[in-house]
Amino acid sequence: MDKMREEFEAWCRERGYTPRLAETNCGIIIDGYYGHHKVQIAWESWKASRAALCVKLPENCKGMALTVDEFRAQLDTAGVGHE
């Protein structure tokens, strides 16, 4: 399973859905689709939001690359999580 779906399903579990079990609201039923319509819409929205994410980084100053802290600050400004 890819990391994006794993993160989505963890998010589902935090809200009371149990992914991958057909008898539950979030269960995958066929061809990767979730058994609950609202969960499927949430999954489609999750994927679209990740695909649309773009972080504009500042141009290098005097040929110097960004420091890790500067890069993290840019991600924070854009609302992107990081470790």
N, C-alpha and C. Protein backbone atom coordinates (compact mmCIF):
# COMPACT_ATOMS: atom_id res chain seq x y z
N MET A 1 0.85 -1.17 0.00
CA MET A 1 0.00 0.00 0.00
C MET A 1 0.90 1.24 0.00
N ASP A 2 0.51 2.24 -0.75
CA ASP A 2 1.36 3.43 -0.79
C ASP A 2 1.18 4.30 0.46
N LYS A 3 2.18 5.14 0.70
CA LYS A 3 2.22 5.97 1.90
C LYS A 3 1.00 6.89 2.00
N MET A 4 0.55 7.43 0.87
CA MET A 4 -0.58 8.35 0.90
C MET A 4 -1.83 7.64 1.40
N ARG A 5 -2.10 6.43 0.90
CA ARG A 5 -3.29 5.70 1.36
C ARG A 5 -3.14 5.30 2.82
N GLU A 6 -1.94 4.92 3.24
CA GLU A 6 -1.71 4.59 4.65
C GLU A 6 -2.04 5.78 5.54
N GLU A 7 -1.59 6.97 5.15
CA GLU A 7 -1.86 8.18 5.94
C GLU A 7 -3.36 8.48 5.96
N PHE A 8 -4.02 8.33 4.82
CA PHE A 8 -5.46 8.56 4.76
C PHE A 8 -6.20 7.59 5.68
N GLU A 9 -5.84 6.33 5.63
CA GLU A 9 -6.53 5.33 6.44
C GLU A 9 -6.26 5.53 7.93
N ALA A 10 -5.08 6.02 8.30
CA ALA A 10 -4.80 6.36 9.70
C ALA A 10 -5.72 7.51 10.12
N TRP A 11 -5.89 8.48 9.23
CA TRP A 11 -6.79 9.60 9.49
C TRP A 11 -8.23 9.10 9.66
N CYS A 12 -8.64 8.13 8.84
CA CYS A 12 -9.97 7.52 8.95
C CYS A 12 -10.14 6.86 10.32
N ARG A 13 -9.14 6.07 10.72
CA ARG A 13 -9.23 5.35 11.99
C ARG A 13 -9.38 6.32 13.16
N GLU A 14 -8.71 7.47 13.09
CA GLU A 14 -8.82 8.47 14.15
C GLU A 14 -10.25 8.99 14.28
N ARG A 15 -11.01 8.85 13.21
CA ARG A 15 -12.40 9.34 13.20
C ARG A 15 -13.42 8.22 13.34
N GLY A 16 -12.95 7.03 13.70
CA GLY A 16 -13.86 5.94 13.99
C GLY A 16 -14.12 4.97 12.86
N TYR A 17 -13.50 5.16 11.71
CA TYR A 17 -13.65 4.22 10.61
C TYR A 17 -12.53 3.18 10.70
N THR A 18 -12.82 1.97 10.30
CA THR A 18 -11.80 0.92 10.28
C THR A 18 -11.57 0.53 8.83
N PRO A 19 -10.53 1.02 8.20
CA PRO A 19 -10.28 0.73 6.78
C PRO A 19 -10.04 -0.75 6.53
N ARG A 20 -10.34 -1.16 5.33
CA ARG A 20 -10.00 -2.48 4.79
C ARG A 20 -10.85 -3.64 5.31
N LEU A 21 -11.88 -3.36 6.05
CA LEU A 21 -12.78 -4.42 6.46
C LEU A 21 -14.13 -4.18 5.79
N ALA A 22 -14.58 -5.10 4.97
CA ALA A 22 -15.77 -4.88 4.14
C ALA A 22 -17.01 -4.57 4.96
N GLU A 23 -17.10 -5.06 6.21
CA GLU A 23 -18.30 -4.83 6.99
C GLU A 23 -18.32 -3.47 7.68
N THR A 24 -17.25 -2.69 7.53
CA THR A 24 -17.22 -1.38 8.17
C THR A 24 -17.46 -0.28 7.16
N ASN A 25 -17.68 0.91 7.66
CA ASN A 25 -17.98 2.07 6.80
C ASN A 25 -16.87 2.42 5.84
N CYS A 26 -15.63 2.13 6.21
CA CYS A 26 -14.49 2.55 5.41
C CYS A 26 -13.94 1.41 4.57
N GLY A 27 -14.56 0.26 4.61
CA GLY A 27 -14.00 -0.91 3.95
C GLY A 27 -13.84 -0.75 2.46
N ILE A 28 -12.74 -1.27 1.93
CA ILE A 28 -12.54 -1.29 0.49
C ILE A 28 -13.35 -2.44 -0.07
N ILE A 29 -14.17 -2.18 -1.07
CA ILE A 29 -15.03 -3.24 -1.56
C ILE A 29 -14.57 -3.83 -2.87
N ILE A 30 -14.08 -3.03 -3.80
CA ILE A 30 -13.62 -3.57 -5.08
C ILE A 30 -12.77 -2.52 -5.78
N ASP A 31 -11.74 -2.95 -6.43
CA ASP A 31 -10.87 -2.08 -7.23
C ASP A 31 -10.39 -0.84 -6.49
N GLY A 32 -10.14 -0.95 -5.20
CA GLY A 32 -9.59 0.17 -4.44
C GLY A 32 -10.59 1.21 -4.02
N TYR A 33 -11.87 0.97 -4.21
CA TYR A 33 -12.89 1.93 -3.80
C TYR A 33 -13.38 1.60 -2.41
N TYR A 34 -13.64 2.63 -1.61
CA TYR A 34 -14.12 2.44 -0.25
C TYR A 34 -15.62 2.18 -0.27
N GLY A 35 -16.08 1.38 0.69
CA GLY A 35 -17.47 0.96 0.74
C GLY A 35 -18.43 2.05 1.19
N HIS A 36 -17.94 3.10 1.75
CA HIS A 36 -18.80 4.19 2.21
C HIS A 36 -18.58 5.39 1.30
N HIS A 37 -19.67 5.91 0.75
CA HIS A 37 -19.58 6.99 -0.24
C HIS A 37 -18.83 8.21 0.29
N LYS A 38 -19.11 8.62 1.52
CA LYS A 38 -18.43 9.80 2.07
C LYS A 38 -16.93 9.56 2.24
N VAL A 39 -16.55 8.34 2.60
CA VAL A 39 -15.12 8.03 2.74
C VAL A 39 -14.46 8.05 1.38
N GLN A 40 -15.15 7.55 0.36
CA GLN A 40 -14.59 7.58 -1.00
C GLN A 40 -14.39 9.02 -1.47
N ILE A 41 -15.35 9.88 -1.18
CA ILE A 41 -15.21 11.29 -1.55
C ILE A 41 -14.04 11.92 -0.78
N ALA A 42 -13.92 11.57 0.50
CA ALA A 42 -12.79 12.08 1.29
C ALA A 42 -11.46 11.62 0.71
N TRP A 43 -11.40 10.35 0.26
CA TRP A 43 -10.18 9.81 -0.34
C TRP A 43 -9.85 10.54 -1.63
N GLU A 44 -10.83 10.77 -2.47
CA GLU A 44 -10.60 11.51 -3.72
C GLU A 44 -10.12 12.93 -3.42
N SER A 45 -10.71 13.57 -2.42
CA SER A 45 -10.29 14.92 -2.03
C SER A 45 -8.88 14.92 -1.48
N TRP A 46 -8.57 13.91 -0.68
CA TRP A 46 -7.22 13.76 -0.10
C TRP A 46 -6.18 13.68 -1.21
N LYS A 47 -6.43 12.82 -2.20
CA LYS A 47 -5.49 12.66 -3.31
C LYS A 47 -5.36 13.95 -4.11
N ALA A 48 -6.48 14.62 -4.38
CA ALA A 48 -6.44 15.86 -5.17
C ALA A 48 -5.68 16.95 -4.43
N SER A 49 -5.87 17.03 -3.11
CA SER A 49 -5.16 18.08 -2.36
C SER A 49 -3.66 17.84 -2.36
N ARG A 50 -3.25 16.58 -2.31
CA ARG A 50 -1.82 16.26 -2.36
C ARG A 50 -1.24 16.56 -3.74
N ALA A 51 -2.02 16.27 -4.78
CA ALA A 51 -1.55 16.49 -6.15
C ALA A 51 -1.41 17.99 -6.45
N ALA A 52 -2.26 18.80 -5.82
CA ALA A 52 -2.26 20.24 -6.10
C ALA A 52 -1.24 21.00 -5.26
N LEU A 53 -0.64 20.33 -4.30
CA LEU A 53 0.29 21.00 -3.40
C LEU A 53 1.53 21.45 -4.14
N CYS A 54 1.85 22.71 -3.97
CA CYS A 54 3.05 23.27 -4.58
C CYS A 54 3.63 24.30 -3.62
N VAL A 55 4.88 24.15 -3.30
CA VAL A 55 5.55 25.08 -2.39
C VAL A 55 6.51 25.93 -3.21
N LYS A 56 6.33 27.25 -3.16
CA LYS A 56 7.21 28.17 -3.87
C LYS A 56 8.35 28.54 -2.93
N LEU A 57 9.54 28.10 -3.29
CA LEU A 57 10.71 28.39 -2.49
C LEU A 57 11.37 29.68 -2.98
N PRO A 58 11.99 30.42 -2.09
CA PRO A 58 12.66 31.65 -2.51
C PRO A 58 13.87 31.33 -3.36
N GLU A 59 14.23 32.27 -4.21
CA GLU A 59 15.43 32.07 -5.00
C GLU A 59 16.65 32.12 -4.09
N ASN A 60 17.66 31.39 -4.46
CA ASN A 60 18.88 31.38 -3.65
C ASN A 60 19.46 32.79 -3.57
N CYS A 61 20.02 33.10 -2.43
CA CYS A 61 20.64 34.41 -2.21
C CYS A 61 22.14 34.27 -2.38
N LYS A 62 22.67 34.96 -3.36
CA LYS A 62 24.11 34.93 -3.64
C LYS A 62 24.62 33.50 -3.85
N GLY A 63 23.83 32.66 -4.50
CA GLY A 63 24.26 31.31 -4.82
C GLY A 63 24.23 30.34 -3.66
N MET A 64 23.75 30.75 -2.51
CA MET A 64 23.71 29.88 -1.33
C MET A 64 22.40 29.09 -1.34
N ALA A 65 22.47 27.82 -1.04
CA ALA A 65 21.27 26.98 -0.94
C ALA A 65 20.54 27.29 0.36
N LEU A 66 19.27 26.88 0.44
CA LEU A 66 18.51 27.07 1.67
C LEU A 66 19.06 26.17 2.77
N THR A 67 19.03 26.68 3.99
CA THR A 67 19.37 25.82 5.12
C THR A 67 18.15 24.95 5.42
N VAL A 68 18.35 23.94 6.22
CA VAL A 68 17.24 23.07 6.61
C VAL A 68 16.16 23.89 7.33
N ASP A 69 16.58 24.78 8.21
CA ASP A 69 15.60 25.61 8.93
C ASP A 69 14.83 26.54 7.99
N GLU A 70 15.51 27.10 7.00
CA GLU A 70 14.83 27.95 6.02
C GLU A 70 13.82 27.14 5.20
N PHE A 71 14.21 25.93 4.83
CA PHE A 71 13.32 25.06 4.08
C PHE A 71 12.10 24.68 4.92
N ARG A 72 12.32 24.32 6.17
CA ARG A 72 11.21 24.01 7.07
C ARG A 72 10.27 25.20 7.23
N ALA A 73 10.84 26.40 7.32
CA ALA A 73 10.01 27.60 7.45
C ALA A 73 9.13 27.79 6.22
N GLN A 74 9.67 27.52 5.04
CA GLN A 74 8.88 27.62 3.82
C GLN A 74 7.74 26.59 3.83
N LEU A 75 8.04 25.38 4.26
CA LEU A 75 7.00 24.35 4.34
C LEU A 75 5.93 24.74 5.36
N ASP A 76 6.35 25.27 6.49
CA ASP A 76 5.39 25.71 7.51
C ASP A 76 4.49 26.81 6.97
N THR A 77 5.07 27.76 6.25
CA THR A 77 4.29 28.85 5.66
C THR A 77 3.24 28.31 4.69
N ALA A 78 3.59 27.27 3.96
CA ALA A 78 2.66 26.68 3.00
C ALA A 78 1.69 25.69 3.65
N GLY A 79 1.87 25.43 4.95
CA GLY A 79 0.99 24.50 5.63
C GLY A 79 1.29 23.05 5.35
N VAL A 80 2.53 22.75 4.99
CA VAL A 80 2.94 21.39 4.66
C VAL A 80 3.63 20.76 5.85
N GLY A 81 3.18 19.58 6.25
CA GLY A 81 3.83 18.89 7.35
C GLY A 81 5.19 18.36 6.94
N HIS A 82 6.06 18.17 7.91
CA HIS A 82 7.39 17.62 7.65
C HIS A 82 7.92 17.01 8.93
N GLU A 83 8.91 16.16 8.78
CA GLU A 83 9.54 15.51 9.94
C GLU A 83 10.97 15.97 10.07
